[in-house]
Every structure is written in structure tokens, then in C-alpha cells.
Amino acid sequence: MCLPDNQGVYCVVFHLVKPISQKIGKLDVGDFNSGYYLYCGSAKGRSGLKGRVQRHLRKEAVRFWHIDYLKPYLEPLMVWYVITRDREECDLVKALCVFEYIEYGMKGFGASDCKHQCKSHLLFAPLSTNLDDVFENLADGLAGINKCLV
């Protein structure tokens, strides 16, 4: 995998083929439409971006984060990341939400401890979304962002 061991923030882009309803930890049951799901997080620990994202890509991981409840149904496509000690995943969420076709996913998802009170750290984009265009436009406004296919 092309991810570095450095600390940083990331967005894992997943594809959900068919709609599901799923209980998410202590949150309620969520209805998830088919499309792209963008999960934003930060990797501040010793394992860095590589370790954190690799865990998110393992379908059989112990359920610890909200994303762990959805992973059995999702196909990972790519990871967008920024090597940084200063930025928060909220910066990625805000940068992605400027696109009119990207919307917040389930309320509170991945944002239980969010200091910036984000609605969600899981975003949804319809299948008609051109992910390459999203990344290119994101790169124009977010210095240092990189892409890694999985």
C-alpha cells in the first residue's frame, strides 16, 4: 500500500453496491443507499496513516469505530490523505461538503468526539459522481493532498 507511516488525516472512499439498513454502535439503525461513502478520520498514533487505514480496510476487524459496522458491506476504492500533525479530519469534511452532490451521511457517524461539532465524518456521494474530478478540485484547495488506490 502506498500510504506512509506519518501522522495525518485521511478520507477512505468506499463503494456500497446495494442499499442496507444497519445498526451502528450506540447510534440508531441507519439506512444507507447505494453509492460512494467517504469516511474521514485522523491518524495521530504511532502506526500513522498506513496503520490506521489498513485497519479500516480489514473487513474482520473488531467493532471499535462506527465504520467497523459498515465495512462488511463496503468495497474500498481509494484513500485521500494529507501528511500533517496540525490538521483535523474536520478540515477534509468541510472541504468535501462544498461539492453540491456530496452530503452528510448518518448523523453523528464518526463524529462522537468531534471538537468542531461536525454533523458526521461519513459523507455520501451518488454513483454518478466523478471521483477523479472531486479529488482534482479538492487538491486545488487543500495543499498536500495525495491519492492512494487500494
C-alpha atoms as a PDB file:
ATOM      1  CA  MET A   1       0.000   0.000   0.000  1.00  0.00           C
ATOM      2  CA  CYS A   2       1.248   3.448  -0.884  1.00  0.00           C
ATOM      3  CA  LEU A   3       0.362   5.106   2.434  1.00  0.00           C
ATOM      4  CA  PRO A   4       3.160   6.490   4.605  1.00  0.00           C
ATOM      5  CA  ASP A   5       3.712   5.821   8.317  1.00  0.00           C
ATOM      6  CA  ASN A   6       3.440   9.566   9.011  1.00  0.00           C
ATOM      7  CA  GLN A   7       0.663  11.150  11.031  1.00  0.00           C
ATOM      8  CA  GLY A   8      -2.107  12.808   9.096  1.00  0.00           C
ATOM      9  CA  VAL A   9      -5.731  12.986   8.071  1.00  0.00           C
ATOM     10  CA  TYR A  10      -7.446  10.743   5.556  1.00  0.00           C
ATOM     11  CA  CYS A  11     -10.609  10.052   3.638  1.00  0.00           C
ATOM     12  CA  VAL A  12     -11.294   6.427   2.694  1.00  0.00           C
ATOM     13  CA  VAL A  13     -13.601   6.229  -0.312  1.00  0.00           C
ATOM     14  CA  PHE A  14     -15.863   3.174  -0.298  1.00  0.00           C
ATOM     15  CA  HIS A  15     -18.500   1.837  -2.681  1.00  0.00           C
ATOM     16  CA  LEU A  16     -21.772   0.383  -1.394  1.00  0.00           C
ATOM     17  CA  VAL A  17     -23.303  -1.755  -4.135  1.00  0.00           C
ATOM     18  CA  LYS A  18     -26.806  -2.249  -2.732  1.00  0.00           C
ATOM     19  CA  PRO A  19     -28.782  -0.378  -0.074  1.00  0.00           C
ATOM     20  CA  ILE A  20     -28.729  -1.673   3.511  1.00  0.00           C
ATOM     21  CA  SER A  21     -30.126  -0.872   6.938  1.00  0.00           C
ATOM     22  CA  GLN A  22     -27.568  -1.346   9.696  1.00  0.00           C
ATOM     23  CA  LYS A  23     -27.297  -0.615  13.420  1.00  0.00           C
ATOM     24  CA  ILE A  24     -24.186   1.490  14.021  1.00  0.00           C
ATOM     25  CA  GLY A  25     -22.762   1.061  17.530  1.00  0.00           C
ATOM     26  CA  LYS A  26     -24.642   3.219  20.020  1.00  0.00           C
ATOM     27  CA  LEU A  27     -26.175   5.219  17.195  1.00  0.00           C
ATOM     28  CA  ASP A  28     -29.509   4.195  15.723  1.00  0.00           C
ATOM     29  CA  VAL A  29     -30.171   1.984  12.715  1.00  0.00           C
ATOM     30  CA  GLY A  30     -29.127   3.807   9.574  1.00  0.00           C
ATOM     31  CA  ASP A  31     -30.426   3.434   6.046  1.00  0.00           C
ATOM     32  CA  PHE A  32     -27.555   3.519   3.584  1.00  0.00           C
ATOM     33  CA  ASN A  33     -28.252   3.946  -0.135  1.00  0.00           C
ATOM     34  CA  SER A  34     -26.003   2.502  -2.796  1.00  0.00           C
ATOM     35  CA  GLY A  35     -23.286   4.934  -3.805  1.00  0.00           C
ATOM     36  CA  TYR A  36     -19.960   6.218  -2.548  1.00  0.00           C
ATOM     37  CA  TYR A  37     -19.216   6.706   1.137  1.00  0.00           C
ATOM     38  CA  LEU A  38     -16.333   8.915   2.185  1.00  0.00           C
ATOM     39  CA  TYR A  39     -15.106   8.302   5.723  1.00  0.00           C
ATOM     40  CA  CYS A  40     -12.833  10.999   7.130  1.00  0.00           C
ATOM     41  CA  GLY A  41     -10.514  10.418  10.066  1.00  0.00           C
ATOM     42  CA  SER A  42      -7.178  11.278  11.594  1.00  0.00           C
ATOM     43  CA  ALA A  43      -4.139   9.142  12.312  1.00  0.00           C
ATOM     44  CA  LYS A  44      -2.204  10.699  15.167  1.00  0.00           C
ATOM     45  CA  GLY A  45      -0.829   7.500  16.746  1.00  0.00           C
ATOM     46  CA  ARG A  46       2.422   5.607  16.240  1.00  0.00           C
ATOM     47  CA  SER A  47       1.109   3.488  13.365  1.00  0.00           C
ATOM     48  CA  GLY A  48       0.349   6.631  11.362  1.00  0.00           C
ATOM     49  CA  LEU A  49      -1.749   6.778   8.224  1.00  0.00           C
ATOM     50  CA  LYS A  50      -0.686   3.372   6.965  1.00  0.00           C
ATOM     51  CA  GLY A  51      -1.603   1.525  10.164  1.00  0.00           C
ATOM     52  CA  ARG A  52      -4.916   3.306  10.720  1.00  0.00           C
ATOM     53  CA  VAL A  53      -6.159   2.990   7.159  1.00  0.00           C
ATOM     54  CA  GLN A  54      -5.070  -0.653   6.868  1.00  0.00           C
ATOM     55  CA  ARG A  55      -7.226  -1.366   9.912  1.00  0.00           C
ATOM     56  CA  HIS A  56     -10.188   0.347   8.249  1.00  0.00           C
ATOM     57  CA  LEU A  57      -9.685  -1.836   5.178  1.00  0.00           C
ATOM     58  CA  ARG A  58      -9.853  -5.141   7.103  1.00  0.00           C
ATOM     59  CA  LYS A  59     -13.453  -6.394   7.000  1.00  0.00           C
ATOM     60  CA  GLU A  60     -12.990  -8.691  10.008  1.00  0.00           C
ATOM     61  CA  ALA A  61     -11.690  -6.100  12.485  1.00  0.00           C
ATOM     62  CA  VAL A  62     -13.226  -5.909  15.952  1.00  0.00           C
ATOM     63  CA  ARG A  63     -16.013  -3.310  16.015  1.00  0.00           C
ATOM     64  CA  PHE A  64     -14.483  -0.267  17.650  1.00  0.00           C
ATOM     65  CA  TRP A  65     -15.223   2.674  15.327  1.00  0.00           C
ATOM     66  CA  HIS A  66     -18.549   3.379  13.644  1.00  0.00           C
ATOM     67  CA  ILE A  67     -17.065   2.463  10.261  1.00  0.00           C
ATOM     68  CA  ASP A  68     -16.439  -1.078  11.541  1.00  0.00           C
ATOM     69  CA  TYR A  69     -20.197  -1.734  11.432  1.00  0.00           C
ATOM     70  CA  LEU A  70     -20.391  -0.888   7.722  1.00  0.00           C
ATOM     71  CA  LYS A  71     -17.136  -2.410   6.451  1.00  0.00           C
ATOM     72  CA  PRO A  72     -18.592  -5.859   5.699  1.00  0.00           C
ATOM     73  CA  TYR A  73     -20.833  -4.229   3.072  1.00  0.00           C
ATOM     74  CA  LEU A  74     -18.367  -1.747   1.587  1.00  0.00           C
ATOM     75  CA  GLU A  75     -15.737  -2.088  -1.105  1.00  0.00           C
ATOM     76  CA  PRO A  76     -12.756   0.242  -0.584  1.00  0.00           C
ATOM     77  CA  LEU A  77     -11.662   2.129  -3.691  1.00  0.00           C
ATOM     78  CA  MET A  78      -9.070   4.715  -2.681  1.00  0.00           C
ATOM     79  CA  VAL A  79      -7.689   6.850   0.106  1.00  0.00           C
ATOM     80  CA  TRP A  80      -7.098  10.595   0.010  1.00  0.00           C
ATOM     81  CA  TYR A  81      -4.669  11.814   2.661  1.00  0.00           C
ATOM     82  CA  VAL A  82      -2.616  14.731   3.919  1.00  0.00           C
ATOM     83  CA  ILE A  83       0.549  14.260   5.963  1.00  0.00           C
ATOM     84  CA  THR A  84       0.126  16.667   8.878  1.00  0.00           C
ATOM     85  CA  ARG A  85       0.257  16.996  12.633  1.00  0.00           C
ATOM     86  CA  ASP A  86      -1.879  20.123  12.673  1.00  0.00           C
ATOM     87  CA  ARG A  87      -4.964  19.407  10.593  1.00  0.00           C
ATOM     88  CA  GLU A  88      -8.083  17.607  11.746  1.00  0.00           C
ATOM     89  CA  GLU A  89     -10.405  15.351   9.770  1.00  0.00           C
ATOM     90  CA  CYS A  90     -12.963  18.167  10.047  1.00  0.00           C
ATOM     91  CA  ASP A  91     -10.870  20.084   7.502  1.00  0.00           C
ATOM     92  CA  LEU A  92     -11.438  17.280   4.987  1.00  0.00           C
ATOM     93  CA  VAL A  93     -15.146  17.073   5.822  1.00  0.00           C
ATOM     94  CA  LYS A  94     -15.577  20.814   5.282  1.00  0.00           C
ATOM     95  CA  ALA A  95     -13.577  20.750   2.037  1.00  0.00           C
ATOM     96  CA  LEU A  96     -15.699  17.892   0.674  1.00  0.00           C
ATOM     97  CA  CYS A  97     -19.036  19.386   1.699  1.00  0.00           C
ATOM     98  CA  VAL A  98     -18.577  22.330  -0.658  1.00  0.00           C
ATOM     99  CA  PHE A  99     -19.436  19.984  -3.538  1.00  0.00           C
ATOM    100  CA  GLU A 100     -23.202  20.221  -4.066  1.00  0.00           C
ATOM    101  CA  TYR A 101     -23.569  16.485  -4.743  1.00  0.00           C
ATOM    102  CA  ILE A 102     -21.742  15.371  -1.570  1.00  0.00           C
ATOM    103  CA  GLU A 103     -23.866  15.275   1.559  1.00  0.00           C
ATOM    104  CA  TYR A 104     -23.521  14.260   5.177  1.00  0.00           C
ATOM    105  CA  GLY A 105     -24.101  10.609   5.961  1.00  0.00           C
ATOM    106  CA  MET A 106     -25.675   9.337   9.168  1.00  0.00           C
ATOM    107  CA  LYS A 107     -25.820  11.985  11.901  1.00  0.00           C
ATOM    108  CA  GLY A 108     -23.032  11.537  14.462  1.00  0.00           C
ATOM    109  CA  PHE A 109     -21.218   8.864  12.431  1.00  0.00           C
ATOM    110  CA  GLY A 110     -17.521   9.004  13.280  1.00  0.00           C
ATOM    111  CA  ALA A 111     -18.056  12.351  14.994  1.00  0.00           C
ATOM    112  CA  SER A 112     -18.895  11.338  18.571  1.00  0.00           C
ATOM    113  CA  ASP A 113     -15.861  13.161  19.940  1.00  0.00           C
ATOM    114  CA  CYS A 114     -15.650  15.882  17.278  1.00  0.00           C
ATOM    115  CA  LYS A 115     -14.456  19.168  18.780  1.00  0.00           C
ATOM    116  CA  HIS A 116     -15.867  21.124  15.841  1.00  0.00           C
ATOM    117  CA  GLN A 117     -19.356  19.610  16.146  1.00  0.00           C
ATOM    118  CA  CYS A 118     -19.438  18.196  12.622  1.00  0.00           C
ATOM    119  CA  LYS A 119     -22.746  16.564  11.705  1.00  0.00           C
ATOM    120  CA  SER A 120     -20.910  13.458  10.525  1.00  0.00           C
ATOM    121  CA  HIS A 121     -17.486  12.298   9.398  1.00  0.00           C
ATOM    122  CA  LEU A 122     -19.174   9.981   6.903  1.00  0.00           C
ATOM    123  CA  LEU A 123     -20.233  11.581   3.644  1.00  0.00           C
ATOM    124  CA  PHE A 124     -22.309  10.255   0.767  1.00  0.00           C
ATOM    125  CA  ALA A 125     -21.957  10.817  -2.977  1.00  0.00           C
ATOM    126  CA  PRO A 126     -24.178   9.280  -5.676  1.00  0.00           C
ATOM    127  CA  LEU A 127     -22.725   6.782  -8.143  1.00  0.00           C
ATOM    128  CA  SER A 128     -22.846   9.428 -10.869  1.00  0.00           C
ATOM    129  CA  THR A 129     -20.078  11.321  -9.023  1.00  0.00           C
ATOM    130  CA  ASN A 130     -16.756  11.511 -10.848  1.00  0.00           C
ATOM    131  CA  LEU A 131     -14.323  10.778  -8.003  1.00  0.00           C
ATOM    132  CA  ASP A 132     -11.306  11.883 -10.046  1.00  0.00           C
ATOM    133  CA  ASP A 133     -12.901  15.308 -10.514  1.00  0.00           C
ATOM    134  CA  VAL A 134     -13.644  15.525  -6.793  1.00  0.00           C
ATOM    135  CA  PHE A 135     -10.021  14.729  -5.964  1.00  0.00           C
ATOM    136  CA  GLU A 136      -8.654  17.223  -8.510  1.00  0.00           C
ATOM    137  CA  ASN A 137     -10.885  20.003  -7.185  1.00  0.00           C
ATOM    138  CA  LEU A 138     -10.056  19.039  -3.617  1.00  0.00           C
ATOM    139  CA  ALA A 139      -6.342  19.215  -4.428  1.00  0.00           C
ATOM    140  CA  ASP A 140      -6.800  22.776  -5.687  1.00  0.00           C
ATOM    141  CA  GLY A 141      -7.987  23.919  -2.262  1.00  0.00           C
ATOM    142  CA  LEU A 142      -6.265  21.538   0.140  1.00  0.00           C
ATOM    143  CA  ALA A 143      -2.485  21.721  -0.089  1.00  0.00           C
ATOM    144  CA  GLY A 144      -0.552  18.491   0.140  1.00  0.00           C
ATOM    145  CA  ILE A 145      -3.403  16.050  -0.520  1.00  0.00           C
ATOM    146  CA  ASN A 146      -2.405  12.724  -2.073  1.00  0.00           C
ATOM    147  CA  LYS A 147      -4.287   9.756  -3.530  1.00  0.00           C
ATOM    148  CA  CYS A 148      -3.659   6.053  -2.984  1.00  0.00           C
ATOM    149  CA  LEU A 149      -5.652   3.329  -4.755  1.00  0.00           C
ATOM    150  CA  VAL A 150      -6.465   0.225  -2.712  1.00  0.00           C
END
